[in-house]
Amino acid sequence: MREALRAKMAEFGLSDTAAEEALDVRKNVERRKTRGGPAREEILRALKSREKDLLKDEREVERMEAKIRESLEGLEREVEKWMH
């Protein structure tokens, strides 16, 4: 099948080298270095960005949980005042 593809590409004027490069999946993926593309560098960049966002979100959730705990403790204190 690869030979048939190479022959078809030759009909369009592509050299054997160009045909091989066109059929090389790894090279084709690495060429796509645009933001959101499949290139390894882009995947690593995106993962690092998502990790940073996740840490920021985790800190925000912790802050909100602390605020809720404080509010509940205050509410419990007020209820205790009214109960005694």
N, C-alpha and C. Protein backbone atom coordinates (compact mmCIF):
# COMPACT_ATOMS: atom_id res chain seq x y z
N MET A 1 0.83 -1.19 0.00
CA MET A 1 0.00 0.00 0.00
C MET A 1 0.87 1.25 0.00
N ARG A 2 1.93 1.21 0.78
CA ARG A 2 2.85 2.35 0.85
C ARG A 2 3.44 2.66 -0.53
N GLU A 3 3.78 1.60 -1.25
CA GLU A 3 4.34 1.78 -2.59
C GLU A 3 3.31 2.40 -3.54
N ALA A 4 2.08 1.98 -3.39
CA ALA A 4 1.01 2.53 -4.24
C ALA A 4 0.83 4.01 -3.96
N LEU A 5 0.87 4.38 -2.68
CA LEU A 5 0.75 5.79 -2.31
C LEU A 5 1.93 6.60 -2.86
N ARG A 6 3.12 6.02 -2.73
CA ARG A 6 4.31 6.71 -3.23
C ARG A 6 4.21 6.90 -4.75
N ALA A 7 3.73 5.89 -5.45
CA ALA A 7 3.58 5.97 -6.91
C ALA A 7 2.56 7.06 -7.27
N LYS A 8 1.48 7.12 -6.52
CA LYS A 8 0.45 8.14 -6.79
C LYS A 8 1.02 9.54 -6.54
N MET A 9 1.80 9.67 -5.48
CA MET A 9 2.42 10.96 -5.18
C MET A 9 3.42 11.36 -6.26
N ALA A 10 4.11 10.38 -6.80
CA ALA A 10 5.07 10.65 -7.88
C ALA A 10 4.35 11.22 -9.10
N GLU A 11 3.12 10.75 -9.31
CA GLU A 11 2.32 11.28 -10.43
C GLU A 11 2.08 12.78 -10.27
N PHE A 12 2.06 13.24 -9.03
CA PHE A 12 1.85 14.67 -8.76
C PHE A 12 3.17 15.42 -8.65
N GLY A 13 4.27 14.75 -8.95
CA GLY A 13 5.56 15.41 -8.97
C GLY A 13 6.32 15.39 -7.65
N LEU A 14 5.89 14.60 -6.71
CA LEU A 14 6.59 14.52 -5.43
C LEU A 14 7.74 13.52 -5.53
N SER A 15 8.88 13.91 -5.01
CA SER A 15 10.03 13.00 -4.99
C SER A 15 9.80 11.90 -3.98
N ASP A 16 10.64 10.86 -4.03
CA ASP A 16 10.53 9.78 -3.05
C ASP A 16 10.71 10.33 -1.63
N THR A 17 11.63 11.27 -1.46
CA THR A 17 11.88 11.85 -0.14
C THR A 17 10.65 12.60 0.35
N ALA A 18 10.06 13.41 -0.52
CA ALA A 18 8.86 14.16 -0.14
C ALA A 18 7.71 13.21 0.16
N ALA A 19 7.59 12.14 -0.62
CA ALA A 19 6.55 11.16 -0.39
C ALA A 19 6.74 10.47 0.95
N GLU A 20 7.96 10.08 1.26
CA GLU A 20 8.26 9.44 2.55
C GLU A 20 7.93 10.37 3.71
N GLU A 21 8.31 11.64 3.58
CA GLU A 21 8.00 12.60 4.63
C GLU A 21 6.49 12.79 4.79
N ALA A 22 5.78 12.79 3.69
CA ALA A 22 4.33 12.95 3.74
C ALA A 22 3.67 11.75 4.41
N LEU A 23 4.28 10.58 4.29
CA LEU A 23 3.71 9.37 4.88
C LEU A 23 4.21 9.11 6.30
N ASP A 24 5.15 9.92 6.77
CA ASP A 24 5.71 9.73 8.12
C ASP A 24 4.79 10.41 9.14
N VAL A 25 4.04 9.61 9.86
CA VAL A 25 3.05 10.13 10.81
C VAL A 25 3.72 10.99 11.87
N ARG A 26 4.80 10.51 12.43
CA ARG A 26 5.49 11.25 13.50
C ARG A 26 5.92 12.64 13.03
N LYS A 27 6.52 12.72 11.85
CA LYS A 27 6.95 14.03 11.32
C LYS A 27 5.75 14.94 11.09
N ASN A 28 4.66 14.36 10.58
CA ASN A 28 3.47 15.18 10.33
C ASN A 28 2.88 15.73 11.62
N VAL A 29 2.89 14.93 12.67
CA VAL A 29 2.38 15.41 13.95
C VAL A 29 3.28 16.52 14.48
N GLU A 30 4.59 16.31 14.45
CA GLU A 30 5.52 17.30 14.99
C GLU A 30 5.49 18.62 14.21
N ARG A 31 5.09 18.58 12.98
CA ARG A 31 5.00 19.82 12.18
C ARG A 31 3.87 20.72 12.68
N ARG A 32 2.89 20.15 13.29
CA ARG A 32 1.72 20.91 13.73
C ARG A 32 1.97 21.51 15.11
N LYS A 33 2.73 22.59 15.12
CA LYS A 33 3.15 23.22 16.37
C LYS A 33 2.25 24.39 16.77
N THR A 34 1.12 24.50 16.13
CA THR A 34 0.22 25.60 16.47
C THR A 34 -0.41 25.35 17.84
N ARG A 35 -0.89 26.40 18.45
CA ARG A 35 -1.54 26.30 19.76
C ARG A 35 -2.71 25.32 19.66
N GLY A 36 -2.70 24.32 20.53
CA GLY A 36 -3.74 23.31 20.52
C GLY A 36 -3.45 22.15 19.57
N GLY A 37 -2.30 22.21 18.89
CA GLY A 37 -1.94 21.16 17.94
C GLY A 37 -1.39 19.92 18.64
N PRO A 38 -1.13 18.87 17.87
CA PRO A 38 -0.71 17.60 18.44
C PRO A 38 0.80 17.45 18.69
N ALA A 39 1.60 18.45 18.33
CA ALA A 39 3.05 18.32 18.50
C ALA A 39 3.40 18.14 19.98
N ARG A 40 4.43 17.35 20.23
CA ARG A 40 4.84 17.03 21.60
C ARG A 40 5.06 18.29 22.44
N GLU A 41 5.77 19.26 21.88
CA GLU A 41 6.05 20.52 22.59
C GLU A 41 4.75 21.21 23.00
N GLU A 42 3.78 21.21 22.10
CA GLU A 42 2.50 21.88 22.38
C GLU A 42 1.72 21.13 23.45
N ILE A 43 1.75 19.82 23.39
CA ILE A 43 1.07 19.02 24.42
C ILE A 43 1.68 19.31 25.79
N LEU A 44 3.01 19.34 25.87
CA LEU A 44 3.68 19.62 27.14
C LEU A 44 3.36 21.02 27.65
N ARG A 45 3.32 22.00 26.74
CA ARG A 45 2.97 23.37 27.12
C ARG A 45 1.55 23.42 27.66
N ALA A 46 0.63 22.75 26.97
CA ALA A 46 -0.77 22.76 27.39
C ALA A 46 -0.93 22.08 28.75
N LEU A 47 -0.23 20.98 28.95
CA LEU A 47 -0.31 20.28 30.24
C LEU A 47 0.19 21.16 31.37
N LYS A 48 1.30 21.84 31.13
CA LYS A 48 1.86 22.73 32.15
C LYS A 48 0.87 23.86 32.48
N SER A 49 0.24 24.39 31.45
CA SER A 49 -0.74 25.46 31.64
C SER A 49 -1.95 24.95 32.44
N ARG A 50 -2.42 23.74 32.10
CA ARG A 50 -3.57 23.18 32.82
C ARG A 50 -3.22 22.87 34.27
N GLU A 51 -1.99 22.41 34.52
CA GLU A 51 -1.57 22.15 35.90
C GLU A 51 -1.57 23.44 36.71
N LYS A 52 -1.09 24.52 36.09
CA LYS A 52 -1.07 25.82 36.76
C LYS A 52 -2.50 26.27 37.08
N ASP A 53 -3.39 26.12 36.11
CA ASP A 53 -4.80 26.49 36.31
C ASP A 53 -5.43 25.64 37.41
N LEU A 54 -5.12 24.35 37.42
CA LEU A 54 -5.68 23.45 38.42
C LEU A 54 -5.22 23.84 39.82
N LEU A 55 -3.94 24.16 39.99
CA LEU A 55 -3.44 24.59 41.29
C LEU A 55 -4.13 25.87 41.76
N LYS A 56 -4.33 26.78 40.84
CA LYS A 56 -5.02 28.03 41.16
C LYS A 56 -6.46 27.73 41.61
N ASP A 57 -7.13 26.84 40.88
CA ASP A 57 -8.50 26.47 41.25
C ASP A 57 -8.54 25.77 42.61
N GLU A 58 -7.57 24.90 42.86
CA GLU A 58 -7.53 24.20 44.15
C GLU A 58 -7.36 25.20 45.30
N ARG A 59 -6.50 26.19 45.12
CA ARG A 59 -6.31 27.22 46.15
C ARG A 59 -7.61 28.00 46.39
N GLU A 60 -8.31 28.31 45.31
CA GLU A 60 -9.58 29.04 45.43
C GLU A 60 -10.62 28.20 46.17
N VAL A 61 -10.70 26.91 45.88
CA VAL A 61 -11.65 26.03 46.57
C VAL A 61 -11.29 25.96 48.05
N GLU A 62 -10.00 25.85 48.37
CA GLU A 62 -9.57 25.82 49.78
C GLU A 62 -9.98 27.11 50.50
N ARG A 63 -9.81 28.25 49.82
CA ARG A 63 -10.18 29.54 50.40
C ARG A 63 -11.68 29.58 50.66
N MET A 64 -12.46 29.11 49.71
CA MET A 64 -13.91 29.12 49.85
C MET A 64 -14.35 28.16 50.97
N GLU A 65 -13.70 27.00 51.06
CA GLU A 65 -14.04 26.05 52.12
C GLU A 65 -13.75 26.66 53.49
N ALA A 66 -12.63 27.36 53.63
CA ALA A 66 -12.28 28.00 54.90
C ALA A 66 -13.33 29.05 55.26
N LYS A 67 -13.76 29.81 54.27
CA LYS A 67 -14.77 30.85 54.51
C LYS A 67 -16.09 30.22 54.95
N ILE A 68 -16.46 29.12 54.33
CA ILE A 68 -17.70 28.42 54.71
C ILE A 68 -17.58 27.88 56.13
N ARG A 69 -16.43 27.28 56.47
CA ARG A 69 -16.22 26.77 57.82
C ARG A 69 -16.36 27.88 58.85
N GLU A 70 -15.74 29.03 58.56
CA GLU A 70 -15.82 30.19 59.46
C GLU A 70 -17.28 30.61 59.65
N SER A 71 -18.02 30.67 58.56
CA SER A 71 -19.43 31.07 58.63
C SER A 71 -20.24 30.08 59.45
N LEU A 72 -20.00 28.80 59.25
CA LEU A 72 -20.72 27.77 60.01
C LEU A 72 -20.40 27.86 61.50
N GLU A 73 -19.13 28.07 61.81
CA GLU A 73 -18.73 28.20 63.21
C GLU A 73 -19.42 29.41 63.85
N GLY A 74 -19.47 30.52 63.12
CA GLY A 74 -20.16 31.71 63.62
C GLY A 74 -21.63 31.44 63.83
N LEU A 75 -22.24 30.75 62.89
CA LEU A 75 -23.65 30.40 63.00
C LEU A 75 -23.89 29.51 64.22
N GLU A 76 -23.02 28.52 64.39
CA GLU A 76 -23.15 27.62 65.55
C GLU A 76 -23.02 28.39 66.87
N ARG A 77 -22.11 29.36 66.92
CA ARG A 77 -21.96 30.18 68.12
C ARG A 77 -23.24 30.97 68.40
N GLU A 78 -23.82 31.53 67.38
CA GLU A 78 -25.06 32.29 67.54
C GLU A 78 -26.20 31.40 68.01
N VAL A 79 -26.29 30.20 67.44
CA VAL A 79 -27.34 29.27 67.86
C VAL A 79 -27.15 28.90 69.32
N GLU A 80 -25.91 28.66 69.73
CA GLU A 80 -25.62 28.31 71.12
C GLU A 80 -26.05 29.43 72.06
N LYS A 81 -25.83 30.68 71.67
CA LYS A 81 -26.24 31.83 72.49
C LYS A 81 -27.74 31.80 72.72
N TRP A 82 -28.49 31.50 71.67
CA TRP A 82 -29.94 31.51 71.76
C TRP A 82 -30.49 30.29 72.50
N MET A 83 -29.73 29.23 72.51
CA MET A 83 -30.19 28.00 73.16
C MET A 83 -29.98 28.06 74.67
N HIS A 84 -29.08 28.89 75.16
CA HIS A 84 -28.80 28.93 76.60
C HIS A 84 -29.23 30.23 77.21
